[in-house]
Every structure is written in C-alpha cells, then in structure tokens.
N, C-alpha and C. Protein backbone atom coordinates (compact mmCIF):
# COMPACT_ATOMS: atom_id res chain seq x y z
N UNK A 1 -33.20 -93.39 -18.38
CA UNK A 1 -33.01 -95.38 -18.41
C UNK A 1 -33.94 -95.84 -18.85
N UNK A 2 -34.95 -96.09 -19.45
CA UNK A 2 -36.14 -96.67 -19.83
C UNK A 2 -35.93 -96.92 -21.38
N UNK A 3 -35.98 -95.57 -21.61
CA UNK A 3 -36.25 -95.37 -23.67
C UNK A 3 -34.46 -96.75 -23.75
N UNK A 4 -32.88 -95.98 -22.47
CA UNK A 4 -31.65 -97.00 -23.55
C UNK A 4 -31.87 -97.81 -23.20
N UNK A 5 -32.51 -98.93 -22.06
CA UNK A 5 -32.79 -100.11 -22.12
C UNK A 5 -32.90 -100.13 -23.13
N UNK A 6 -34.07 -100.78 -24.12
CA UNK A 6 -34.87 -99.93 -25.55
C UNK A 6 -33.76 -100.41 -26.39
N UNK A 7 -32.85 -99.48 -26.22
CA UNK A 7 -31.74 -99.15 -27.13
C UNK A 7 -30.94 -99.73 -26.88
N UNK A 8 -30.37 -99.98 -25.96
CA UNK A 8 -29.49 -101.34 -26.30
C UNK A 8 -29.61 -102.56 -26.72
N UNK A 9 -31.17 -102.93 -26.32
CA UNK A 9 -31.75 -104.28 -27.34
C UNK A 9 -32.24 -104.30 -28.43
N UNK A 10 -30.95 -102.92 -29.61
CA UNK A 10 -31.60 -102.33 -30.67
C UNK A 10 -33.51 -102.06 -30.79
N UNK A 11 -34.51 -102.37 -29.66
CA UNK A 11 -35.25 -102.67 -29.90
C UNK A 11 -35.36 -100.86 -30.01
N UNK A 12 -37.02 -100.43 -30.73
CA UNK A 12 -37.59 -98.95 -30.50
C UNK A 12 -38.09 -98.82 -29.34
N UNK A 13 -38.27 -97.90 -29.14
CA UNK A 13 -38.85 -98.05 -27.76
C UNK A 13 -40.57 -97.75 -28.03
N UNK A 14 -41.40 -97.56 -26.78
CA UNK A 14 -42.64 -97.55 -27.32
C UNK A 14 -43.04 -95.88 -26.91
N UNK A 15 -43.87 -95.80 -27.45
CA UNK A 15 -44.40 -94.09 -27.05
C UNK A 15 -44.99 -94.41 -25.64
N UNK A 16 -44.33 -93.56 -25.24
CA UNK A 16 -45.01 -93.07 -22.97
C UNK A 16 -46.17 -92.26 -23.24
N UNK A 17 -46.23 -92.17 -22.19
CA UNK A 17 -47.73 -90.88 -21.75
C UNK A 17 -46.68 -89.34 -22.13
N UNK A 18 -47.86 -88.88 -21.96
CA UNK A 18 -46.63 -87.71 -22.17
C UNK A 18 -45.96 -86.87 -21.47
N UNK A 19 -46.68 -87.16 -19.67
CA UNK A 19 -46.09 -86.99 -18.20
C UNK A 19 -45.03 -87.68 -18.71
N UNK A 20 -44.79 -88.57 -18.85
CA UNK A 20 -43.48 -89.01 -18.86
C UNK A 20 -42.01 -88.26 -20.23
N UNK A 21 -43.25 -87.45 -20.37
CA UNK A 21 -42.17 -86.63 -21.32
C UNK A 21 -41.43 -85.28 -20.86
N UNK A 22 -43.27 -84.79 -20.12
CA UNK A 22 -42.78 -83.94 -19.52
C UNK A 22 -41.69 -84.00 -17.83
N UNK A 23 -42.18 -84.72 -17.49
CA UNK A 23 -41.25 -85.18 -16.33
C UNK A 23 -39.70 -84.96 -16.38
N UNK A 24 -39.31 -85.59 -17.73
CA UNK A 24 -37.79 -85.81 -18.52
C UNK A 24 -37.27 -85.01 -19.26
N UNK A 25 -38.20 -83.35 -19.92
CA UNK A 25 -37.73 -82.70 -19.86
C UNK A 25 -38.34 -80.96 -19.19
N UNK A 26 -39.02 -81.31 -18.14
CA UNK A 26 -38.87 -80.57 -17.20
C UNK A 26 -36.91 -80.22 -16.08
N UNK A 27 -36.70 -80.96 -15.22
CA UNK A 27 -35.85 -81.71 -15.16
C UNK A 27 -35.01 -80.20 -15.79
N UNK A 28 -35.61 -80.95 -17.32
CA UNK A 28 -33.58 -80.68 -17.85
C UNK A 28 -33.49 -79.16 -18.17
N UNK A 29 -35.11 -78.23 -18.61
CA UNK A 29 -35.17 -77.10 -18.88
C UNK A 29 -35.15 -76.14 -16.57
N UNK A 30 -35.06 -76.75 -16.45
CA UNK A 30 -34.44 -76.02 -14.93
C UNK A 30 -33.52 -76.39 -14.18
N UNK A 31 -33.38 -77.12 -14.78
CA UNK A 31 -31.42 -77.36 -14.60
C UNK A 31 -30.28 -76.46 -16.13
N UNK A 32 -30.78 -75.87 -17.18
CA UNK A 32 -31.22 -75.37 -17.59
C UNK A 32 -30.63 -73.61 -17.54
N UNK A 33 -31.65 -73.50 -17.03
CA UNK A 33 -32.12 -72.56 -16.30
C UNK A 33 -31.55 -72.25 -15.75
N UNK A 34 -31.05 -73.14 -14.66
CA UNK A 34 -30.31 -72.70 -12.91
C UNK A 34 -28.45 -72.57 -13.52
N UNK A 35 -28.29 -73.04 -14.95
CA UNK A 35 -26.54 -73.39 -14.49
C UNK A 35 -26.55 -71.52 -15.88
N UNK A 36 -27.14 -71.30 -16.41
CA UNK A 36 -27.05 -69.93 -16.91
C UNK A 36 -27.12 -68.78 -16.52
N UNK A 37 -27.98 -68.69 -15.19
CA UNK A 37 -28.02 -67.59 -13.72
C UNK A 37 -26.95 -67.94 -12.89
N UNK A 38 -25.49 -69.48 -12.20
CA UNK A 38 -25.73 -69.36 -11.53
C UNK A 38 -23.80 -68.90 -12.91
N UNK A 39 -23.47 -69.36 -14.11
CA UNK A 39 -22.86 -68.61 -15.06
C UNK A 39 -22.62 -66.62 -15.32
N UNK A 40 -23.80 -66.42 -14.94
CA UNK A 40 -23.85 -65.01 -14.77
C UNK A 40 -23.42 -64.35 -14.09
N UNK A 41 -22.61 -63.45 -13.85
CA UNK A 41 -21.89 -62.49 -13.71
C UNK A 41 -23.67 -61.39 -12.51
N UNK A 42 -23.01 -60.55 -11.48
CA UNK A 42 -23.33 -60.46 -10.42
C UNK A 42 -23.94 -59.08 -11.44
N UNK A 43 -23.43 -58.22 -11.64
CA UNK A 43 -24.04 -57.37 -12.72
C UNK A 43 -25.46 -57.00 -13.99
N UNK A 44 -25.00 -58.51 -14.36
CA UNK A 44 -26.47 -59.08 -14.80
C UNK A 44 -28.02 -60.18 -13.96
N UNK A 45 -27.85 -58.24 -13.54
CA UNK A 45 -28.80 -58.34 -12.17
C UNK A 45 -30.10 -59.13 -13.16
N UNK A 46 -29.90 -58.77 -14.35
CA UNK A 46 -31.71 -59.26 -15.00
C UNK A 46 -32.28 -60.53 -15.79
N UNK A 47 -30.82 -60.65 -16.05
CA UNK A 47 -30.83 -61.80 -16.88
C UNK A 47 -30.62 -63.79 -15.84
N UNK A 48 -30.30 -62.99 -14.77
CA UNK A 48 -29.24 -64.03 -13.69
C UNK A 48 -31.24 -63.77 -13.44
N UNK A 49 -31.58 -62.91 -12.75
CA UNK A 49 -33.68 -62.98 -11.76
C UNK A 49 -34.46 -64.31 -13.22
N UNK A 50 -34.34 -63.18 -14.31
CA UNK A 50 -35.01 -64.17 -15.54
C UNK A 50 -34.22 -65.30 -15.82
N UNK A 51 -33.66 -65.95 -15.22
CA UNK A 51 -32.74 -67.21 -16.02
C UNK A 51 -33.90 -67.74 -14.43
N UNK A 52 -33.50 -67.46 -13.05
CA UNK A 52 -34.10 -68.28 -11.83
C UNK A 52 -35.33 -68.26 -11.53
N UNK A 53 -35.86 -67.09 -12.80
CA UNK A 53 -37.54 -67.49 -13.14
C UNK A 53 -37.42 -68.48 -13.74
N UNK A 54 -37.46 -68.01 -14.24
CA UNK A 54 -37.56 -69.51 -15.74
C UNK A 54 -36.76 -71.03 -14.46
N UNK A 55 -35.53 -70.84 -14.02
CA UNK A 55 -35.62 -72.69 -13.00
C UNK A 55 -36.71 -72.47 -12.03
N UNK A 56 -37.13 -71.55 -11.95
CA UNK A 56 -38.67 -71.61 -10.38
C UNK A 56 -39.70 -72.09 -11.07
N UNK A 57 -40.42 -71.45 -12.29
CA UNK A 57 -41.32 -72.15 -12.82
C UNK A 57 -40.73 -73.59 -13.86
N UNK A 58 -39.86 -74.20 -13.97
CA UNK A 58 -40.35 -74.98 -14.20
C UNK A 58 -39.88 -75.94 -13.77
N UNK A 59 -39.48 -76.23 -12.13
CA UNK A 59 -39.04 -76.53 -10.93
C UNK A 59 -40.49 -77.15 -10.47
N UNK A 60 -41.89 -75.79 -10.42
CA UNK A 60 -43.01 -75.59 -10.20
C UNK A 60 -43.63 -76.99 -11.10
N UNK A 61 -43.46 -76.85 -12.20
CA UNK A 61 -44.40 -77.31 -13.27
C UNK A 61 -43.89 -79.07 -13.39
N UNK A 62 -43.69 -79.30 -13.19
CA UNK A 62 -42.00 -80.57 -13.02
C UNK A 62 -42.80 -81.05 -11.26
N UNK A 63 -43.26 -80.53 -10.57
CA UNK A 63 -44.23 -80.68 -9.37
C UNK A 63 -45.20 -81.63 -9.98
N UNK A 64 -45.68 -80.92 -10.86
CA UNK A 64 -47.09 -80.20 -11.00
C UNK A 64 -47.20 -82.11 -11.69
N UNK A 65 -46.22 -82.21 -12.23
CA UNK A 65 -46.71 -83.53 -13.06
C UNK A 65 -47.17 -84.18 -12.16
N UNK A 66 -45.90 -84.25 -11.26
CA UNK A 66 -45.55 -85.51 -10.32
C UNK A 66 -46.87 -85.71 -10.03
N UNK A 67 -47.87 -84.85 -9.42
CA UNK A 67 -48.85 -84.89 -8.98
C UNK A 67 -49.78 -85.36 -10.00
N UNK A 68 -49.70 -85.10 -11.04
CA UNK A 68 -50.63 -85.80 -12.65
C UNK A 68 -50.61 -87.00 -12.39
N UNK A 69 -48.72 -87.33 -12.42
CA UNK A 69 -48.80 -88.89 -12.82
C UNK A 69 -50.02 -89.85 -11.87
N UNK A 70 -49.80 -89.52 -10.73
CA UNK A 70 -51.26 -90.19 -10.45
C UNK A 70 -52.26 -90.04 -10.40
N UNK A 71 -53.12 -89.40 -10.94
CA UNK A 71 -54.23 -89.04 -11.85
C UNK A 71 -54.62 -90.32 -12.11
N UNK A 72 -52.80 -90.93 -12.99
CA UNK A 72 -52.57 -91.60 -14.40
C UNK A 72 -53.60 -93.02 -13.40
N UNK A 73 -53.18 -93.68 -12.56
CA UNK A 73 -53.54 -94.62 -11.72
C UNK A 73 -54.91 -95.88 -11.77
N UNK A 74 -56.17 -94.26 -12.08
CA UNK A 74 -57.68 -93.92 -11.89
C UNK A 74 -57.53 -94.83 -13.77
N UNK A 75 -55.92 -95.24 -14.71
CA UNK A 75 -56.35 -95.01 -16.16
C UNK A 75 -57.48 -94.37 -16.67
N UNK A 76 -57.23 -93.55 -16.42
CA UNK A 76 -57.66 -91.88 -17.21
C UNK A 76 -56.36 -91.78 -18.12
N UNK A 77 -56.22 -91.13 -19.29
CA UNK A 77 -54.91 -90.75 -19.68
C UNK A 77 -55.06 -90.05 -19.74
N UNK A 78 -56.07 -88.78 -20.46
CA UNK A 78 -56.43 -87.57 -20.92
C UNK A 78 -57.45 -87.21 -20.32
N UNK A 79 -57.41 -85.87 -19.88
CA UNK A 79 -58.15 -85.26 -18.82
C UNK A 79 -58.02 -84.04 -19.81
N UNK A 80 -59.07 -83.24 -19.03
CA UNK A 80 -58.47 -81.49 -18.68
C UNK A 80 -57.95 -79.96 -18.16
N UNK A 81 -57.40 -80.31 -17.63
CA UNK A 81 -56.32 -80.54 -16.21
C UNK A 81 -55.58 -80.27 -17.71
N UNK A 82 -54.52 -81.69 -17.67
CA UNK A 82 -53.60 -82.36 -18.78
C UNK A 82 -53.48 -81.42 -20.33
N UNK A 83 -54.34 -81.27 -20.59
CA UNK A 83 -54.38 -80.51 -21.81
C UNK A 83 -53.59 -79.81 -21.47
N UNK A 84 -54.13 -78.29 -20.68
CA UNK A 84 -54.49 -77.17 -20.19
C UNK A 84 -52.97 -76.84 -20.02
N UNK A 85 -52.46 -78.34 -18.71
CA UNK A 85 -51.46 -77.96 -18.29
C UNK A 85 -50.14 -78.21 -19.66
N UNK A 86 -50.23 -79.17 -20.04
CA UNK A 86 -49.57 -79.52 -21.63
C UNK A 86 -49.33 -78.31 -22.61
N UNK A 87 -50.30 -77.84 -22.29
CA UNK A 87 -50.33 -75.80 -23.28
C UNK A 87 -49.29 -75.10 -22.88
N UNK A 88 -49.40 -74.85 -20.94
CA UNK A 88 -49.02 -73.78 -20.52
C UNK A 88 -47.20 -74.29 -19.95
N UNK A 89 -46.78 -75.00 -20.02
CA UNK A 89 -45.91 -75.80 -21.10
C UNK A 89 -44.45 -75.92 -21.94
N UNK A 90 -45.83 -76.01 -23.15
CA UNK A 90 -45.30 -75.88 -23.91
C UNK A 90 -45.64 -73.47 -23.82
N UNK A 91 -45.91 -73.33 -24.08
CA UNK A 91 -45.71 -71.80 -24.78
C UNK A 91 -44.60 -71.75 -23.32
N UNK A 92 -44.72 -71.49 -22.05
CA UNK A 92 -42.62 -71.51 -21.54
C UNK A 92 -42.19 -72.23 -21.85
N UNK A 93 -41.77 -73.19 -22.35
CA UNK A 93 -40.71 -73.47 -23.28
C UNK A 93 -40.24 -72.61 -24.31
N UNK A 94 -41.72 -72.19 -25.01
CA UNK A 94 -41.05 -71.30 -26.41
C UNK A 94 -39.96 -69.53 -26.28
N UNK A 95 -41.26 -69.42 -24.50
CA UNK A 95 -40.40 -68.55 -24.28
C UNK A 95 -39.16 -68.55 -23.70
N UNK A 96 -38.79 -69.10 -22.89
CA UNK A 96 -37.61 -70.02 -22.76
C UNK A 96 -36.04 -69.83 -24.10
N UNK A 97 -36.76 -70.31 -25.29
CA UNK A 97 -36.31 -70.73 -26.06
C UNK A 97 -36.17 -69.71 -26.43
N UNK A 98 -36.67 -68.55 -26.14
CA UNK A 98 -35.87 -67.66 -26.92
C UNK A 98 -35.09 -66.64 -25.93
N UNK A 99 -36.31 -66.57 -24.59
CA UNK A 99 -34.61 -66.19 -23.86
C UNK A 99 -33.37 -66.48 -23.63
N UNK A 100 -33.31 -68.38 -23.93
CA UNK A 100 -31.65 -68.67 -24.59
C UNK A 100 -30.91 -67.75 -25.77
N UNK A 101 -32.15 -67.01 -26.64
CA UNK A 101 -31.21 -66.78 -27.93
C UNK A 101 -30.60 -65.54 -27.74
N UNK A 102 -31.40 -64.70 -27.11
CA UNK A 102 -32.01 -63.37 -26.28
C UNK A 102 -29.58 -63.54 -25.75
N UNK A 103 -29.58 -64.46 -25.35
CA UNK A 103 -28.02 -64.89 -24.36
C UNK A 103 -27.66 -65.15 -24.66
N UNK A 104 -27.86 -66.08 -25.69
CA UNK A 104 -27.05 -66.52 -26.74
C UNK A 104 -26.61 -65.36 -27.89
N UNK A 105 -27.27 -64.39 -28.14
CA UNK A 105 -27.03 -63.37 -29.24
C UNK A 105 -25.99 -62.47 -28.17
N UNK A 106 -25.92 -62.53 -26.70
CA UNK A 106 -25.68 -61.60 -26.37
C UNK A 106 -23.87 -61.70 -26.03
N UNK A 107 -23.78 -63.09 -25.73
CA UNK A 107 -22.79 -63.57 -25.04
C UNK A 107 -21.81 -63.97 -26.64
N UNK A 108 -22.31 -63.81 -27.81
CA UNK A 108 -21.91 -64.01 -29.32
C UNK A 108 -21.26 -61.95 -29.51
N UNK A 109 -21.71 -61.17 -29.10
CA UNK A 109 -21.44 -60.09 -29.44
C UNK A 109 -21.17 -59.88 -28.70
N UNK A 110 -20.14 -60.30 -26.85
CA UNK A 110 -19.50 -60.14 -26.19
C UNK A 110 -20.26 -59.15 -25.58
N UNK A 111 -21.27 -59.61 -25.04
CA UNK A 111 -21.75 -57.49 -24.09
C UNK A 111 -22.12 -58.37 -22.70
N UNK A 112 -21.82 -60.01 -22.55
CA UNK A 112 -21.70 -60.25 -21.28
C UNK A 112 -21.30 -61.74 -21.10
C-alpha cells in the first residue's frame, strides 16, 4: 500500500529495504502455494504435499523476515544472517517456480 500511495501522487516510490520486499513477496508466494493445494484433487497427493510444503516454507520464511526487521532498529541494514536469508529465499522461489511450471504443464496436457 505504501508504494501505491506514491503512484497515486504520480511520484516514483523509493527503494525500500530488502526485508520489505521479503514481507510482501513471501506472503504472496505462500498464498499461491496454498491455493494450488486447494485446487488439486485428493488423488494428486504428491502435488498437494509439495504445494503444502512450499506454503509452509514461505510462511516460515515470512516469520523469519518479520523477526529480522527488528534488527533494523539498530540501524544495521546489512548483516550476514540477512545475506544468507536472502539467498535461501531466492533458492526456494526458484524451486517453487519450477514446481509451478510442472503443474502448468500437467494442466495443459490435461493430466490433472
């Protein structure tokens, strides 16, 4: 919503700290993973489990991001744990992207 306020005014939004983006996108990713699980039939057990796993991972990452925002009060903007966290989130998002392509291919071929 903060970005939207700038856009409504016709202004360019500032670049926020990377944790801000983690908080936005991890919530989004968890929601997508959860909705995929909800759309699958029970017979698609492997895909449902995988989707639920991603939703759980993204929720855990989100909680960790919330915790890390507390470090920003110390005016420490970059720290080793944040660098590793960003790397871990990036990897998980890449894996999730591959999973999304797998689900999409199965839907296109009408296999699910």
